[in-house]
Amino acid sequence: MDRSANDVAPALAALAFHHLGLAVASPEEAFRYLASLGYTAGNTAFDPIQRVNLAMRHHSLMPDVEVIWPGAGPSPIDKLIKRSGTMIYHLCYACPDAEQALEALSASGVEIMPVSAPAPAILFGGQKVSFHHVSGFGLIEILETGTEL
């Protein structure tokens, strides 16, 4: 689909940083560190699609952090944590329309490869999330809010 320059700018402006995802082998030390910085506990859930445990941590002045650790069975973070133990796994951006935002990024010359199709996220009340690899940057998660930010 061809979009004009006027269509691209609003889609890019609609992306808002949401949180960073921290992959860990076990969450206790990450929770302790984040608590020492003033983070408070948020939603916690098990994601049966990715087979990982998820816990949000919130701070009034710093970015939200999603702590991700393996559940039963293979998960997307297994190789990452085996190599480095703990690492920033992804950055998440919220937007009203994921497809429009991804098209705008592509139109601006950013090379994006889908990693997972949009699926309801248990941690975010069933809002759809999808993962994408951005060339030269890494993994991003798009949280589709369906409403203007």
Protein backbone atom coordinates (compact mmCIF):
# COMPACT_ATOMS: atom_id res chain seq x y z
CA MET A 1 0.00 0.00 0.00
CA ASP A 2 1.38 3.39 -1.01
CA ARG A 3 1.20 6.06 1.67
CA SER A 4 1.93 9.75 1.31
CA ALA A 5 4.43 11.52 3.55
CA ASN A 6 1.49 13.05 5.42
CA ASP A 7 0.22 9.56 6.32
CA VAL A 8 3.63 8.44 7.58
CA ALA A 9 4.29 11.15 10.16
CA PRO A 10 1.10 10.58 12.23
CA ALA A 11 1.75 6.83 12.40
CA LEU A 12 5.29 7.38 13.68
CA ALA A 13 4.06 10.00 16.14
CA ALA A 14 1.51 7.48 17.42
CA LEU A 15 4.25 5.12 18.68
CA ALA A 16 4.85 5.64 22.39
CA PHE A 17 7.50 3.93 24.48
CA HIS A 18 5.74 1.50 26.82
CA HIS A 19 8.34 -0.64 28.63
CA LEU A 20 11.56 -2.58 28.32
CA GLY A 21 11.62 -6.35 28.60
CA LEU A 22 14.30 -7.91 30.78
CA ALA A 23 14.98 -11.63 30.24
CA VAL A 24 16.32 -13.41 33.33
CA ALA A 25 16.94 -17.02 34.35
CA SER A 26 15.26 -16.37 37.71
CA PRO A 27 13.49 -13.16 38.80
CA GLU A 28 14.42 -12.75 42.47
CA GLU A 29 17.59 -10.67 42.04
CA ALA A 30 15.98 -8.51 39.35
CA PHE A 31 12.99 -7.88 41.62
CA ARG A 32 15.30 -6.97 44.52
CA TYR A 33 17.32 -4.57 42.37
CA LEU A 34 14.25 -2.89 40.89
CA ALA A 35 12.67 -2.57 44.36
CA SER A 36 15.85 -0.89 45.62
CA LEU A 37 15.36 1.72 42.88
CA GLY A 38 11.77 2.36 43.96
CA TYR A 39 9.94 0.13 41.48
CA THR A 40 6.64 -1.39 42.61
CA ALA A 41 5.05 -4.66 41.55
CA GLY A 42 2.43 -4.71 38.82
CA ASN A 43 0.60 -7.50 37.01
CA THR A 44 2.12 -10.97 36.99
CA ALA A 45 1.11 -13.74 34.59
CA PHE A 46 2.17 -16.90 32.82
CA ASP A 47 2.06 -16.63 29.02
CA PRO A 48 1.12 -20.09 27.69
CA ILE A 49 1.87 -19.08 24.08
CA GLN A 50 5.52 -18.18 24.77
CA ARG A 51 5.77 -20.44 27.86
CA VAL A 52 7.28 -17.67 29.99
CA ASN A 53 6.47 -16.00 33.29
CA LEU A 54 5.94 -12.24 33.18
CA ALA A 55 5.93 -9.57 35.86
CA MET A 56 5.61 -5.83 35.41
CA ARG A 57 7.44 -3.36 37.59
CA HIS A 58 6.46 0.32 37.65
CA HIS A 59 8.23 3.52 38.68
CA SER A 60 6.94 7.08 38.74
CA LEU A 61 10.10 8.53 37.11
CA MET A 62 11.69 5.63 35.20
CA PRO A 63 10.55 3.34 32.38
CA ASP A 64 8.37 0.36 33.23
CA VAL A 65 10.19 -2.99 33.20
CA GLU A 66 8.69 -6.34 32.21
CA VAL A 67 10.67 -9.13 33.88
CA ILE A 68 10.52 -12.33 31.82
CA TRP A 69 11.72 -15.75 32.96
CA PRO A 70 11.22 -19.29 31.63
CA GLY A 71 8.24 -21.43 32.48
CA ALA A 72 7.89 -25.14 31.75
CA GLY A 73 9.06 -26.18 28.30
CA PRO A 74 11.07 -24.32 25.67
CA SER A 75 10.63 -20.56 25.37
CA PRO A 76 11.95 -17.75 23.14
CA ILE A 77 14.35 -16.56 25.87
CA ASP A 78 16.08 -19.89 26.62
CA LYS A 79 19.10 -19.33 24.36
CA LEU A 80 19.47 -15.69 25.44
CA ILE A 81 19.63 -16.38 29.15
CA LYS A 82 21.84 -19.43 28.64
CA ARG A 83 24.42 -17.21 26.89
CA SER A 84 24.30 -14.10 29.04
CA GLY A 85 22.14 -14.84 32.08
CA THR A 86 20.26 -11.53 32.09
CA MET A 87 19.70 -9.10 29.26
CA ILE A 88 17.39 -6.46 27.90
CA TYR A 89 15.31 -8.61 25.58
CA HIS A 90 13.09 -6.06 23.83
CA LEU A 91 11.69 -2.54 23.82
CA CYS A 92 7.92 -2.22 23.68
CA TYR A 93 5.99 0.56 21.98
CA ALA A 94 2.25 1.13 22.27
CA CYS A 95 0.15 2.39 19.39
CA PRO A 96 -3.47 2.49 18.30
CA ASP A 97 -2.88 0.59 15.03
CA ALA A 98 0.15 -1.73 14.80
CA GLU A 99 -0.15 -2.37 11.07
CA GLN A 100 -0.22 1.35 10.29
CA ALA A 101 2.77 2.05 12.56
CA LEU A 102 4.80 -0.80 11.03
CA GLU A 103 3.96 0.38 7.51
CA ALA A 104 5.12 3.88 8.45
CA LEU A 105 8.40 2.57 9.85
CA SER A 106 8.97 0.54 6.68
CA ALA A 107 8.14 3.55 4.53
CA SER A 108 10.77 5.56 6.40
CA GLY A 109 13.43 3.04 5.35
CA VAL A 110 13.54 0.90 8.49
CA GLU A 111 13.93 -2.81 7.70
CA ILE A 112 11.50 -4.82 9.83
CA MET A 113 11.02 -8.58 9.93
CA PRO A 114 7.99 -10.03 11.73
CA VAL A 115 8.88 -12.49 14.49
CA SER A 116 5.39 -13.27 15.79
CA ALA A 117 1.89 -12.46 14.62
CA PRO A 118 -0.36 -10.30 16.82
CA ALA A 119 -1.77 -12.33 19.72
CA PRO A 120 -3.72 -11.44 22.85
CA ALA A 121 -1.38 -10.64 25.74
CA ILE A 122 -2.52 -11.93 29.09
CA LEU A 123 -0.32 -9.41 30.94
CA PHE A 124 -1.99 -6.50 29.12
CA GLY A 125 -5.64 -7.43 29.45
CA GLY A 126 -5.87 -9.26 26.13
CA GLN A 127 -4.59 -6.36 24.03
CA LYS A 128 -2.72 -7.70 21.02
CA VAL A 129 1.07 -7.75 20.96
CA SER A 130 3.45 -8.72 18.18
CA PHE A 131 7.21 -8.97 17.98
CA HIS A 132 9.43 -7.68 15.17
CA HIS A 133 13.16 -7.63 14.48
CA VAL A 134 14.40 -4.19 13.44
CA SER A 135 17.59 -4.41 11.41
CA GLY A 136 20.51 -2.79 13.19
CA PHE A 137 18.49 -2.35 16.38
CA GLY A 138 17.02 -5.59 17.73
CA LEU A 139 13.70 -6.93 18.95
CA ILE A 140 10.70 -4.67 19.48
CA GLU A 141 7.26 -5.47 20.78
CA ILE A 142 4.22 -3.58 19.53
CA LEU A 143 1.28 -3.31 21.93
CA GLU A 144 -1.85 -2.40 19.98
CA THR A 145 -4.10 -0.29 22.18
CA GLY A 146 -6.84 0.41 19.65
CA THR A 147 -7.11 3.94 21.03
CA GLU A 148 -5.16 7.14 20.43
CA LEU A 149 -2.24 7.62 22.82
